[in-house]
Amino acid sequence: MRLKTLLAGLMVASLLLSGCTLLPQTQPASFYQMPPPSIEQRAGEALPLALRINTPQAGFAHSSPRLLVNPQGDQLSSYKGARWTEPLPAMVREHLRRAFVQSGALSSVSSDEHALHADVLLGSDLLSFQVVYRDQQPVAIVELEARLIEPAARRVLASRIFRAEQLPADPQVPAVVRAQAAALDQVTRELIDWSLLQLQGFEP
């Protein structure tokens, strides 16, 4: 019995000295940031309104920084070793805020990170931000249900679902990231156009 115990101890010591480990190694993740929005400044005077963009509501899967992919059926997975630099709702909120600022369409734009005055709130639900496979080809999809809200009256002024699809140049993660960015830009441009149309003549 003593001999077995001694041999077991020598084996453990040998593993430790050789740098081996019995624990699985964690694969390092590559982090991807969303490119800045491709939004041009609009001509004319800005609407004299202060807009606050709230962080989109999202389900469990869309609340993380994972790059989501739907390979088949109802199965939702993520790209191994790839992450966004922040959770999806925060990333989408910041993208929308920067886009509205770049457009120069409104006199003031802020987010719910700051308790600033707002004449109008932009609330939303992030319905989809993922890649799906159709006929073995990846398609980047962004779907957002947006609501313009008058906070003083606690009423919805208008609501609409925006959806965009983009085909990645190839199935690799960098191409997928570019396709997701293009889809989000398309949703953002349509959202800005729609918001300005709804807010024309609005007085808080």
N, C-alpha and C. Protein backbone atom coordinates (compact mmCIF):
# COMPACT_ATOMS: atom_id res chain seq x y z
N MET A 1 0.83 -1.21 0.00
CA MET A 1 0.00 0.00 0.00
C MET A 1 0.86 1.26 0.00
N ARG A 2 1.94 1.23 0.82
CA ARG A 2 2.84 2.39 0.87
C ARG A 2 3.51 2.61 -0.48
N LEU A 3 3.87 1.51 -1.16
CA LEU A 3 4.52 1.62 -2.46
C LEU A 3 3.57 2.26 -3.49
N LYS A 4 2.29 1.87 -3.49
CA LYS A 4 1.31 2.44 -4.41
C LYS A 4 1.13 3.94 -4.15
N THR A 5 1.06 4.31 -2.87
CA THR A 5 0.90 5.72 -2.51
C THR A 5 2.10 6.53 -2.97
N LEU A 6 3.31 5.96 -2.78
CA LEU A 6 4.53 6.65 -3.20
C LEU A 6 4.57 6.84 -4.71
N LEU A 7 4.19 5.80 -5.47
CA LEU A 7 4.18 5.88 -6.93
C LEU A 7 3.19 6.92 -7.42
N ALA A 8 1.99 6.97 -6.77
CA ALA A 8 0.97 7.96 -7.16
C ALA A 8 1.48 9.37 -6.92
N GLY A 9 2.18 9.56 -5.78
CA GLY A 9 2.73 10.88 -5.48
C GLY A 9 3.78 11.29 -6.47
N LEU A 10 4.62 10.35 -6.90
CA LEU A 10 5.65 10.66 -7.88
C LEU A 10 5.05 11.02 -9.24
N MET A 11 3.94 10.38 -9.63
CA MET A 11 3.28 10.68 -10.90
C MET A 11 2.71 12.09 -10.89
N VAL A 12 2.06 12.49 -9.77
CA VAL A 12 1.50 13.84 -9.66
C VAL A 12 2.61 14.87 -9.72
N ALA A 13 3.71 14.63 -8.99
CA ALA A 13 4.84 15.57 -9.00
C ALA A 13 5.43 15.71 -10.39
N SER A 14 5.50 14.58 -11.10
CA SER A 14 6.04 14.62 -12.46
C SER A 14 5.18 15.47 -13.38
N LEU A 15 3.87 15.35 -13.26
CA LEU A 15 2.96 16.16 -14.07
C LEU A 15 3.12 17.64 -13.79
N LEU A 16 3.22 17.99 -12.51
CA LEU A 16 3.36 19.39 -12.13
C LEU A 16 4.66 19.98 -12.63
N LEU A 17 5.76 19.21 -12.50
CA LEU A 17 7.06 19.71 -12.92
C LEU A 17 7.15 19.85 -14.43
N SER A 18 6.45 19.02 -15.17
CA SER A 18 6.53 19.07 -16.63
C SER A 18 5.60 20.12 -17.23
N GLY A 19 4.82 20.81 -16.38
CA GLY A 19 3.93 21.85 -16.86
C GLY A 19 2.63 21.32 -17.40
N CYS A 20 2.36 20.03 -17.25
CA CYS A 20 1.11 19.45 -17.73
C CYS A 20 -0.02 19.81 -16.79
N THR A 21 -1.25 19.75 -17.29
CA THR A 21 -2.41 20.03 -16.45
C THR A 21 -3.51 19.07 -16.81
N LEU A 22 -4.28 18.69 -15.82
CA LEU A 22 -5.43 17.82 -16.04
C LEU A 22 -6.68 18.62 -16.36
N LEU A 23 -6.61 19.97 -16.30
CA LEU A 23 -7.76 20.83 -16.58
C LEU A 23 -7.77 21.23 -18.05
N PRO A 24 -8.97 21.38 -18.66
CA PRO A 24 -9.04 21.76 -20.07
C PRO A 24 -8.55 23.19 -20.28
N GLN A 25 -7.86 23.41 -21.39
CA GLN A 25 -7.36 24.74 -21.72
C GLN A 25 -8.48 25.59 -22.32
N THR A 26 -8.59 26.85 -21.90
CA THR A 26 -9.59 27.76 -22.43
C THR A 26 -9.07 28.42 -23.70
N GLN A 27 -9.83 28.31 -24.79
CA GLN A 27 -9.40 28.92 -26.05
C GLN A 27 -9.55 30.43 -25.97
N PRO A 28 -8.50 31.20 -26.28
CA PRO A 28 -8.62 32.66 -26.24
C PRO A 28 -9.62 33.16 -27.27
N ALA A 29 -10.40 34.17 -26.90
CA ALA A 29 -11.43 34.70 -27.78
C ALA A 29 -10.90 35.88 -28.60
N SER A 30 -11.40 36.02 -29.81
CA SER A 30 -11.13 37.19 -30.64
C SER A 30 -12.31 38.14 -30.49
N PHE A 31 -12.03 39.41 -30.21
CA PHE A 31 -13.09 40.38 -29.97
C PHE A 31 -13.24 41.28 -31.20
N TYR A 32 -14.49 41.51 -31.59
CA TYR A 32 -14.81 42.33 -32.76
C TYR A 32 -15.66 43.52 -32.33
N GLN A 33 -15.30 44.69 -32.81
CA GLN A 33 -16.10 45.88 -32.52
C GLN A 33 -16.92 46.26 -33.75
N MET A 34 -18.10 46.83 -33.48
CA MET A 34 -18.95 47.26 -34.58
C MET A 34 -18.35 48.51 -35.23
N PRO A 35 -18.16 48.50 -36.55
CA PRO A 35 -17.63 49.70 -37.22
C PRO A 35 -18.56 50.90 -37.01
N PRO A 36 -18.04 52.12 -37.11
CA PRO A 36 -18.88 53.31 -36.97
C PRO A 36 -19.99 53.32 -38.02
N PRO A 37 -21.13 53.92 -37.70
CA PRO A 37 -22.23 53.96 -38.68
C PRO A 37 -21.87 54.77 -39.91
N SER A 38 -22.34 54.29 -41.06
CA SER A 38 -22.11 54.99 -42.33
C SER A 38 -23.31 55.89 -42.62
N ILE A 39 -23.40 56.97 -41.89
CA ILE A 39 -24.53 57.89 -42.00
C ILE A 39 -24.01 59.29 -42.36
N GLU A 40 -24.57 59.87 -43.40
CA GLU A 40 -24.17 61.22 -43.81
C GLU A 40 -25.01 62.28 -43.10
N GLN A 41 -24.40 63.45 -42.91
CA GLN A 41 -25.12 64.55 -42.27
C GLN A 41 -26.18 65.08 -43.23
N ARG A 42 -27.34 65.37 -42.67
CA ARG A 42 -28.46 65.84 -43.48
C ARG A 42 -28.40 67.34 -43.68
N ALA A 43 -28.91 67.76 -44.81
CA ALA A 43 -28.99 69.19 -45.09
C ALA A 43 -30.19 69.78 -44.36
N GLY A 44 -30.15 71.08 -44.13
CA GLY A 44 -31.27 71.76 -43.47
C GLY A 44 -31.11 71.82 -41.97
N GLU A 45 -32.06 72.50 -41.35
CA GLU A 45 -32.01 72.69 -39.90
C GLU A 45 -32.47 71.43 -39.17
N ALA A 46 -31.89 71.23 -38.02
CA ALA A 46 -32.26 70.08 -37.19
C ALA A 46 -33.61 70.33 -36.52
N LEU A 47 -34.36 69.27 -36.29
CA LEU A 47 -35.61 69.41 -35.55
C LEU A 47 -35.28 69.83 -34.11
N PRO A 48 -36.01 70.79 -33.57
CA PRO A 48 -35.71 71.28 -32.20
C PRO A 48 -36.23 70.32 -31.13
N LEU A 49 -35.71 69.10 -31.16
CA LEU A 49 -36.17 68.07 -30.22
C LEU A 49 -34.97 67.36 -29.60
N ALA A 50 -35.14 66.92 -28.37
CA ALA A 50 -34.13 66.13 -27.68
C ALA A 50 -34.59 64.68 -27.67
N LEU A 51 -33.77 63.81 -28.24
CA LEU A 51 -34.10 62.39 -28.34
C LEU A 51 -33.20 61.59 -27.40
N ARG A 52 -33.83 60.70 -26.64
CA ARG A 52 -33.05 59.78 -25.81
C ARG A 52 -33.26 58.37 -26.35
N ILE A 53 -32.16 57.67 -26.61
CA ILE A 53 -32.21 56.32 -27.15
C ILE A 53 -32.00 55.32 -26.01
N ASN A 54 -33.02 54.54 -25.74
CA ASN A 54 -32.94 53.55 -24.68
C ASN A 54 -32.26 52.28 -25.18
N THR A 55 -31.63 51.56 -24.28
CA THR A 55 -31.02 50.29 -24.62
C THR A 55 -32.10 49.31 -25.05
N PRO A 56 -31.96 48.69 -26.22
CA PRO A 56 -32.99 47.74 -26.67
C PRO A 56 -33.20 46.60 -25.68
N GLN A 57 -34.45 46.19 -25.55
CA GLN A 57 -34.76 44.99 -24.79
C GLN A 57 -34.41 43.77 -25.65
N ALA A 58 -33.98 42.70 -25.01
CA ALA A 58 -33.58 41.52 -25.77
C ALA A 58 -33.77 40.27 -24.92
N GLY A 59 -33.96 39.15 -25.59
CA GLY A 59 -34.03 37.88 -24.90
C GLY A 59 -32.67 37.44 -24.40
N PHE A 60 -32.64 36.30 -23.73
CA PHE A 60 -31.41 35.82 -23.10
C PHE A 60 -30.28 35.68 -24.10
N ALA A 61 -30.53 35.04 -25.24
CA ALA A 61 -29.47 34.77 -26.21
C ALA A 61 -28.90 36.06 -26.80
N HIS A 62 -29.76 37.07 -27.01
CA HIS A 62 -29.33 38.32 -27.62
C HIS A 62 -28.85 39.35 -26.59
N SER A 63 -28.69 38.92 -25.35
CA SER A 63 -28.22 39.85 -24.31
C SER A 63 -26.73 39.69 -24.03
N SER A 64 -26.07 38.81 -24.75
CA SER A 64 -24.65 38.54 -24.51
C SER A 64 -23.81 39.16 -25.64
N PRO A 65 -22.48 39.10 -25.52
CA PRO A 65 -21.62 39.59 -26.60
C PRO A 65 -21.28 38.52 -27.64
N ARG A 66 -21.95 37.39 -27.63
CA ARG A 66 -21.64 36.31 -28.56
C ARG A 66 -22.09 36.64 -29.98
N LEU A 67 -21.36 36.13 -30.97
CA LEU A 67 -21.77 36.22 -32.37
C LEU A 67 -22.66 35.02 -32.65
N LEU A 68 -23.95 35.27 -32.80
CA LEU A 68 -24.92 34.19 -32.89
C LEU A 68 -25.07 33.68 -34.31
N VAL A 69 -25.31 32.38 -34.40
CA VAL A 69 -25.51 31.74 -35.70
C VAL A 69 -26.58 30.67 -35.56
N ASN A 70 -27.45 30.61 -36.56
CA ASN A 70 -28.51 29.61 -36.61
C ASN A 70 -28.19 28.65 -37.76
N PRO A 71 -27.46 27.57 -37.49
CA PRO A 71 -27.00 26.69 -38.58
C PRO A 71 -28.12 25.90 -39.24
N GLN A 72 -29.14 25.53 -38.45
CA GLN A 72 -30.25 24.77 -39.02
C GLN A 72 -31.42 24.75 -38.05
N GLY A 73 -32.62 24.69 -38.61
CA GLY A 73 -33.82 24.56 -37.79
C GLY A 73 -33.94 25.65 -36.74
N ASP A 74 -34.25 25.24 -35.51
CA ASP A 74 -34.42 26.19 -34.40
C ASP A 74 -33.18 26.26 -33.52
N GLN A 75 -32.11 25.63 -33.94
CA GLN A 75 -30.89 25.60 -33.13
C GLN A 75 -30.15 26.93 -33.23
N LEU A 76 -29.88 27.56 -32.08
CA LEU A 76 -29.14 28.81 -32.04
C LEU A 76 -27.82 28.58 -31.32
N SER A 77 -26.73 28.87 -32.00
CA SER A 77 -25.40 28.64 -31.44
C SER A 77 -24.59 29.92 -31.56
N SER A 78 -23.29 29.83 -31.36
CA SER A 78 -22.42 31.00 -31.49
C SER A 78 -21.10 30.58 -32.11
N TYR A 79 -20.42 31.55 -32.74
CA TYR A 79 -19.12 31.28 -33.35
C TYR A 79 -18.09 31.05 -32.25
N LYS A 80 -17.39 29.94 -32.33
CA LYS A 80 -16.43 29.57 -31.30
C LYS A 80 -15.26 30.54 -31.28
N GLY A 81 -14.95 31.02 -30.09
CA GLY A 81 -13.79 31.89 -29.92
C GLY A 81 -13.96 33.28 -30.48
N ALA A 82 -15.20 33.72 -30.75
CA ALA A 82 -15.45 35.07 -31.30
C ALA A 82 -16.48 35.78 -30.45
N ARG A 83 -16.22 37.03 -30.13
CA ARG A 83 -17.13 37.82 -29.30
C ARG A 83 -17.16 39.27 -29.81
N TRP A 84 -18.30 39.93 -29.61
CA TRP A 84 -18.35 41.38 -29.76
C TRP A 84 -17.68 42.00 -28.55
N THR A 85 -17.31 43.25 -28.65
CA THR A 85 -16.62 43.91 -27.53
C THR A 85 -17.57 44.27 -26.39
N GLU A 86 -18.88 44.20 -26.63
CA GLU A 86 -19.85 44.49 -25.58
C GLU A 86 -21.14 43.74 -25.89
N PRO A 87 -22.05 43.60 -24.92
CA PRO A 87 -23.30 42.91 -25.18
C PRO A 87 -24.09 43.56 -26.32
N LEU A 88 -24.82 42.74 -27.07
CA LEU A 88 -25.53 43.22 -28.25
C LEU A 88 -26.43 44.43 -27.99
N PRO A 89 -27.28 44.44 -26.95
CA PRO A 89 -28.16 45.60 -26.75
C PRO A 89 -27.40 46.91 -26.59
N ALA A 90 -26.31 46.89 -25.80
CA ALA A 90 -25.51 48.11 -25.61
C ALA A 90 -24.83 48.52 -26.91
N MET A 91 -24.37 47.55 -27.68
CA MET A 91 -23.70 47.85 -28.93
C MET A 91 -24.66 48.48 -29.93
N VAL A 92 -25.87 47.94 -30.03
CA VAL A 92 -26.88 48.50 -30.94
C VAL A 92 -27.29 49.90 -30.49
N ARG A 93 -27.49 50.09 -29.20
CA ARG A 93 -27.86 51.42 -28.68
C ARG A 93 -26.80 52.46 -29.04
N GLU A 94 -25.54 52.13 -28.84
CA GLU A 94 -24.48 53.09 -29.13
C GLU A 94 -24.37 53.36 -30.63
N HIS A 95 -24.60 52.33 -31.44
CA HIS A 95 -24.58 52.52 -32.89
C HIS A 95 -25.70 53.48 -33.31
N LEU A 96 -26.88 53.30 -32.76
CA LEU A 96 -28.00 54.19 -33.10
C LEU A 96 -27.73 55.61 -32.63
N ARG A 97 -27.19 55.75 -31.42
CA ARG A 97 -26.92 57.09 -30.89
C ARG A 97 -25.93 57.82 -31.79
N ARG A 98 -24.85 57.16 -32.14
CA ARG A 98 -23.84 57.80 -33.00
C ARG A 98 -24.40 58.15 -34.37
N ALA A 99 -25.27 57.29 -34.88
CA ALA A 99 -25.85 57.54 -36.20
C ALA A 99 -26.77 58.76 -36.17
N PHE A 100 -27.60 58.87 -35.14
CA PHE A 100 -28.48 60.04 -35.03
C PHE A 100 -27.67 61.32 -34.87
N VAL A 101 -26.58 61.24 -34.09
CA VAL A 101 -25.72 62.41 -33.92
C VAL A 101 -25.09 62.79 -35.25
N GLN A 102 -24.55 61.81 -35.98
CA GLN A 102 -23.92 62.07 -37.26
C GLN A 102 -24.89 62.68 -38.27
N SER A 103 -26.15 62.27 -38.20
CA SER A 103 -27.14 62.77 -39.16
C SER A 103 -27.44 64.25 -38.96
N GLY A 104 -27.24 64.75 -37.73
CA GLY A 104 -27.56 66.13 -37.43
C GLY A 104 -29.03 66.45 -37.57
N ALA A 105 -29.88 65.44 -37.48
CA ALA A 105 -31.31 65.62 -37.73
C ALA A 105 -32.06 66.20 -36.53
N LEU A 106 -31.48 66.04 -35.34
CA LEU A 106 -32.15 66.50 -34.11
C LEU A 106 -31.19 67.39 -33.32
N SER A 107 -31.77 68.29 -32.54
CA SER A 107 -30.93 69.24 -31.82
C SER A 107 -30.13 68.58 -30.70
N SER A 108 -30.64 67.48 -30.17
CA SER A 108 -29.94 66.81 -29.07
C SER A 108 -30.23 65.31 -29.12
N VAL A 109 -29.18 64.51 -28.92
CA VAL A 109 -29.33 63.05 -28.88
C VAL A 109 -28.52 62.51 -27.71
N SER A 110 -29.15 61.68 -26.89
CA SER A 110 -28.46 61.08 -25.75
C SER A 110 -28.94 59.63 -25.61
N SER A 111 -28.41 58.94 -24.62
CA SER A 111 -28.84 57.56 -24.35
C SER A 111 -29.31 57.45 -22.91
N ASP A 112 -29.86 56.29 -22.57
CA ASP A 112 -30.35 56.11 -21.21
C ASP A 112 -29.23 55.92 -20.20
N GLU A 113 -27.98 55.99 -20.64
CA GLU A 113 -26.87 55.99 -19.69
C GLU A 113 -26.77 57.30 -18.94
N HIS A 114 -27.40 58.35 -19.49
CA HIS A 114 -27.35 59.68 -18.88
C HIS A 114 -28.77 60.16 -18.62
N ALA A 115 -29.00 60.71 -17.46
CA ALA A 115 -30.34 61.17 -17.07
C ALA A 115 -30.56 62.59 -17.60
N LEU A 116 -30.56 62.74 -18.92
CA LEU A 116 -30.75 64.05 -19.54
C LEU A 116 -32.19 64.24 -19.96
N HIS A 117 -32.58 65.49 -20.12
CA HIS A 117 -33.93 65.80 -20.59
C HIS A 117 -34.14 65.23 -21.98
N ALA A 118 -35.35 64.72 -22.23
CA ALA A 118 -35.69 64.20 -23.55
C ALA A 118 -37.14 64.53 -23.86
N ASP A 119 -37.36 65.05 -25.07
CA ASP A 119 -38.73 65.29 -25.54
C ASP A 119 -39.35 64.01 -26.08
N VAL A 120 -38.49 63.14 -26.62
CA VAL A 120 -38.94 61.88 -27.23
C VAL A 120 -37.97 60.77 -26.84
N LEU A 121 -38.52 59.60 -26.58
CA LEU A 121 -37.71 58.42 -26.31
C LEU A 121 -37.79 57.46 -27.49
N LEU A 122 -36.68 56.83 -27.80
CA LEU A 122 -36.67 55.76 -28.79
C LEU A 122 -36.45 54.45 -28.04
N GLY A 123 -37.52 53.69 -27.90
CA GLY A 123 -37.42 52.37 -27.28
C GLY A 123 -37.46 51.30 -28.36
N SER A 124 -36.96 50.12 -28.05
CA SER A 124 -36.94 49.07 -29.07
C SER A 124 -36.77 47.70 -28.45
N ASP A 125 -37.08 46.69 -29.25
CA ASP A 125 -36.83 45.29 -28.91
C ASP A 125 -35.92 44.72 -29.99
N LEU A 126 -34.81 44.13 -29.57
CA LEU A 126 -33.89 43.50 -30.51
C LEU A 126 -34.40 42.09 -30.79
N LEU A 127 -35.05 41.91 -31.93
CA LEU A 127 -35.68 40.64 -32.26
C LEU A 127 -34.70 39.64 -32.86
N SER A 128 -33.74 40.14 -33.62
CA SER A 128 -32.78 39.24 -34.25
C SER A 128 -31.49 39.98 -34.56
N PHE A 129 -30.38 39.35 -34.26
CA PHE A 129 -29.05 39.86 -34.61
C PHE A 129 -28.15 38.65 -34.73
N GLN A 130 -28.23 37.99 -35.88
CA GLN A 130 -27.58 36.70 -36.02
C GLN A 130 -27.36 36.36 -37.49
N VAL A 131 -26.73 35.22 -37.69
CA VAL A 131 -26.52 34.67 -39.02
C VAL A 131 -27.35 33.39 -39.15
N VAL A 132 -28.09 33.28 -40.24
CA VAL A 132 -28.83 32.05 -40.52
C VAL A 132 -28.27 31.44 -41.81
N TYR A 133 -28.46 30.15 -41.94
CA TYR A 133 -28.00 29.46 -43.15
C TYR A 133 -29.21 29.08 -44.01
N ARG A 134 -29.16 29.51 -45.28
CA ARG A 134 -30.19 29.16 -46.25
C ARG A 134 -29.49 28.51 -47.45
N ASP A 135 -29.89 27.30 -47.75
CA ASP A 135 -29.25 26.55 -48.84
C ASP A 135 -27.74 26.53 -48.67
N GLN A 136 -27.33 26.34 -47.41
CA GLN A 136 -25.91 26.23 -47.04
C GLN A 136 -25.14 27.54 -47.24
N GLN A 137 -25.86 28.65 -47.35
CA GLN A 137 -25.23 29.96 -47.49
C GLN A 137 -25.58 30.83 -46.27
N PRO A 138 -24.59 31.51 -45.66
CA PRO A 138 -24.88 32.36 -44.51
C PRO A 138 -25.55 33.66 -44.91
N VAL A 139 -26.48 34.12 -44.08
CA VAL A 139 -27.17 35.39 -44.29
C VAL A 139 -27.19 36.13 -42.94
N ALA A 140 -26.67 37.35 -42.91
CA ALA A 140 -26.68 38.16 -41.69
C ALA A 140 -28.02 38.89 -41.60
N ILE A 141 -28.66 38.78 -40.44
CA ILE A 141 -29.99 39.36 -40.25
C ILE A 141 -29.99 40.26 -39.01
N VAL A 142 -30.58 41.44 -39.16
CA VAL A 142 -30.84 42.34 -38.03
C VAL A 142 -32.31 42.73 -38.09
N GLU A 143 -33.00 42.55 -36.98
CA GLU A 143 -34.42 42.89 -36.90
C GLU A 143 -34.68 43.63 -35.59
N LEU A 144 -35.30 44.79 -35.70
CA LEU A 144 -35.51 45.67 -34.54
C LEU A 144 -36.93 46.22 -34.57
N GLU A 145 -37.64 46.08 -33.48
CA GLU A 145 -38.97 46.70 -33.34
C GLU A 145 -38.80 48.00 -32.56
N ALA A 146 -39.05 49.12 -33.21
CA ALA A 146 -38.80 50.44 -32.62
C ALA A 146 -40.09 51.14 -32.25
N ARG A 147 -40.00 51.97 -31.21
CA ARG A 147 -41.14 52.77 -30.74
C ARG A 147 -40.68 54.18 -30.40
N LEU A 148 -41.37 55.18 -30.92
CA LEU A 148 -41.16 56.56 -30.51
C LEU A 148 -42.18 56.87 -29.42
N ILE A 149 -41.68 57.35 -28.29
CA ILE A 149 -42.52 57.52 -27.10
C ILE A 149 -42.44 58.95 -26.62
N GLU A 150 -43.60 59.51 -26.29
CA GLU A 150 -43.65 60.82 -25.64
C GLU A 150 -43.64 60.59 -24.13
N PRO A 151 -42.53 60.88 -23.46
CA PRO A 151 -42.42 60.52 -22.04
C PRO A 151 -43.40 61.28 -21.14
N ALA A 152 -43.68 62.54 -21.46
CA ALA A 152 -44.57 63.34 -20.60
C ALA A 152 -45.97 62.73 -20.56
N ALA A 153 -46.46 62.27 -21.70
CA ALA A 153 -47.81 61.70 -21.78
C ALA A 153 -47.81 60.18 -21.63
N ARG A 154 -46.60 59.58 -21.61
CA ARG A 154 -46.46 58.12 -21.49
C ARG A 154 -47.26 57.41 -22.59
N ARG A 155 -47.09 57.88 -23.82
CA ARG A 155 -47.81 57.26 -24.94
C ARG A 155 -46.87 57.01 -26.10
N VAL A 156 -47.21 56.00 -26.88
CA VAL A 156 -46.43 55.65 -28.07
C VAL A 156 -46.91 56.48 -29.25
N LEU A 157 -46.00 57.22 -29.84
CA LEU A 157 -46.35 58.04 -30.99
C LEU A 157 -46.43 57.21 -32.26
N ALA A 158 -45.53 56.26 -32.41
CA ALA A 158 -45.50 55.40 -33.59
C ALA A 158 -44.60 54.20 -33.30
N SER A 159 -44.83 53.12 -34.02
CA SER A 159 -43.99 51.93 -33.87
C SER A 159 -43.88 51.22 -35.21
N ARG A 160 -42.76 50.50 -35.39
CA ARG A 160 -42.54 49.79 -36.65
C ARG A 160 -41.41 48.77 -36.46
N ILE A 161 -41.48 47.69 -37.23
CA ILE A 161 -40.42 46.69 -37.22
C ILE A 161 -39.52 46.91 -38.43
N PHE A 162 -38.22 46.97 -38.19
CA PHE A 162 -37.22 47.16 -39.24
C PHE A 162 -36.41 45.87 -39.36
N ARG A 163 -36.17 45.45 -40.58
CA ARG A 163 -35.42 44.21 -40.82
C ARG A 163 -34.52 44.39 -42.04
N ALA A 164 -33.30 43.88 -41.94
CA ALA A 164 -32.36 43.95 -43.05
C ALA A 164 -31.57 42.65 -43.10
N GLU A 165 -31.20 42.24 -44.33
CA GLU A 165 -30.40 41.04 -44.55
C GLU A 165 -29.22 41.38 -45.46
N GLN A 166 -28.07 40.80 -45.15
CA GLN A 166 -26.87 40.99 -45.95
C GLN A 166 -26.15 39.66 -46.12
N LEU A 167 -25.60 39.43 -47.30
CA LEU A 167 -24.86 38.21 -47.57
C LEU A 167 -23.37 38.44 -47.30
N PRO A 168 -22.76 37.69 -46.40
CA PRO A 168 -21.31 37.80 -46.21
C PRO A 168 -20.56 37.37 -47.46
N ALA A 169 -19.38 37.93 -47.66
CA ALA A 169 -18.56 37.56 -48.81
C ALA A 169 -18.09 36.11 -48.71
N ASP A 170 -17.94 35.62 -47.48
CA ASP A 170 -17.57 34.22 -47.24
C ASP A 170 -18.05 33.87 -45.83
N PRO A 171 -17.99 32.60 -45.44
CA PRO A 171 -18.53 32.20 -44.14
C PRO A 171 -17.60 32.45 -42.96
N GLN A 172 -16.44 33.06 -43.19
CA GLN A 172 -15.51 33.32 -42.09
C GLN A 172 -16.00 34.49 -41.22
N VAL A 173 -15.57 34.49 -39.96
CA VAL A 173 -16.08 35.47 -38.99
C VAL A 173 -15.86 36.92 -39.42
N PRO A 174 -14.68 37.34 -39.91
CA PRO A 174 -14.53 38.74 -40.32
C PRO A 174 -15.54 39.17 -41.38
N ALA A 175 -15.84 38.30 -42.33
CA ALA A 175 -16.84 38.62 -43.35
C ALA A 175 -18.23 38.69 -42.74
N VAL A 176 -18.51 37.83 -41.77
CA VAL A 176 -19.79 37.85 -41.07
C VAL A 176 -19.96 39.16 -40.31
N VAL A 177 -18.90 39.61 -39.66
CA VAL A 177 -18.95 40.88 -38.92
C VAL A 177 -19.26 42.04 -39.86
N ARG A 178 -18.63 42.07 -41.03
CA ARG A 178 -18.90 43.14 -42.00
C ARG A 178 -20.34 43.09 -42.49
N ALA A 179 -20.86 41.89 -42.69
CA ALA A 179 -22.25 41.76 -43.14
C ALA A 179 -23.22 42.20 -42.05
N GLN A 180 -22.94 41.87 -40.80
CA GLN A 180 -23.79 42.31 -39.69
C GLN A 180 -23.77 43.83 -39.59
N ALA A 181 -22.60 44.43 -39.78
CA ALA A 181 -22.50 45.89 -39.73
C ALA A 181 -23.31 46.53 -40.85
N ALA A 182 -23.25 45.95 -42.04
CA ALA A 182 -24.01 46.49 -43.18
C ALA A 182 -25.51 46.38 -42.93
N ALA A 183 -25.94 45.26 -42.35
CA ALA A 183 -27.36 45.08 -42.06
C ALA A 183 -27.82 46.07 -40.99
N LEU A 184 -27.00 46.28 -39.97
CA LEU A 184 -27.36 47.25 -38.93
C LEU A 184 -27.40 48.66 -39.48
N ASP A 185 -26.48 49.00 -40.38
CA ASP A 185 -26.50 50.31 -41.02
C ASP A 185 -27.79 50.52 -41.82
N GLN A 186 -28.22 49.49 -42.53
CA GLN A 186 -29.46 49.61 -43.30
C GLN A 186 -30.65 49.85 -42.40
N VAL A 187 -30.74 49.08 -41.32
CA VAL A 187 -31.82 49.29 -40.35
C VAL A 187 -31.75 50.69 -39.77
N THR A 188 -30.55 51.15 -39.46
CA THR A 188 -30.37 52.47 -38.85
C THR A 188 -30.81 53.59 -39.79
N ARG A 189 -30.43 53.51 -41.06
CA ARG A 189 -30.83 54.55 -42.02
C ARG A 189 -32.35 54.60 -42.16
N GLU A 190 -32.97 53.44 -42.25
CA GLU A 190 -34.44 53.40 -42.37
C GLU A 190 -35.10 53.92 -41.10
N LEU A 191 -34.51 53.61 -39.96
CA LEU A 191 -35.06 54.06 -38.69
C LEU A 191 -34.97 55.58 -38.57
N ILE A 192 -33.86 56.17 -38.97
CA ILE A 192 -33.71 57.62 -38.91
C ILE A 192 -34.72 58.29 -39.84
N ASP A 193 -34.84 57.82 -41.08
CA ASP A 193 -35.80 58.40 -42.02
C ASP A 193 -37.23 58.33 -41.47
N TRP A 194 -37.57 57.17 -40.94
CA TRP A 194 -38.92 56.98 -40.38
C TRP A 194 -39.15 57.88 -39.17
N SER A 195 -38.16 57.98 -38.28
CA SER A 195 -38.29 58.80 -37.07
C SER A 195 -38.53 60.27 -37.43
N LEU A 196 -37.76 60.77 -38.38
CA LEU A 196 -37.91 62.18 -38.77
C LEU A 196 -39.27 62.44 -39.39
N LEU A 197 -39.77 61.49 -40.16
CA LEU A 197 -41.10 61.63 -40.76
C LEU A 197 -42.17 61.67 -39.68
N GLN A 198 -42.03 60.82 -38.66
CA GLN A 198 -43.02 60.77 -37.58
C GLN A 198 -42.97 62.01 -36.69
N LEU A 199 -41.80 62.61 -36.57
CA LEU A 199 -41.62 63.73 -35.63
C LEU A 199 -41.81 65.10 -36.28
N GLN A 200 -42.05 65.12 -37.58
CA GLN A 200 -42.31 66.40 -38.22
C GLN A 200 -43.56 67.04 -37.61
N GLY A 201 -43.38 68.28 -37.13
CA GLY A 201 -44.51 68.99 -36.54
C GLY A 201 -44.83 68.60 -35.11
N PHE A 202 -44.06 67.64 -34.53
CA PHE A 202 -44.33 67.23 -33.16
C PHE A 202 -43.88 68.31 -32.18
N GLU A 203 -44.75 68.62 -31.21
CA GLU A 203 -44.42 69.58 -30.16
C GLU A 203 -44.65 68.92 -28.81
N PRO A 204 -43.60 68.81 -28.01
CA PRO A 204 -43.75 68.15 -26.70
C PRO A 204 -44.59 68.99 -25.73
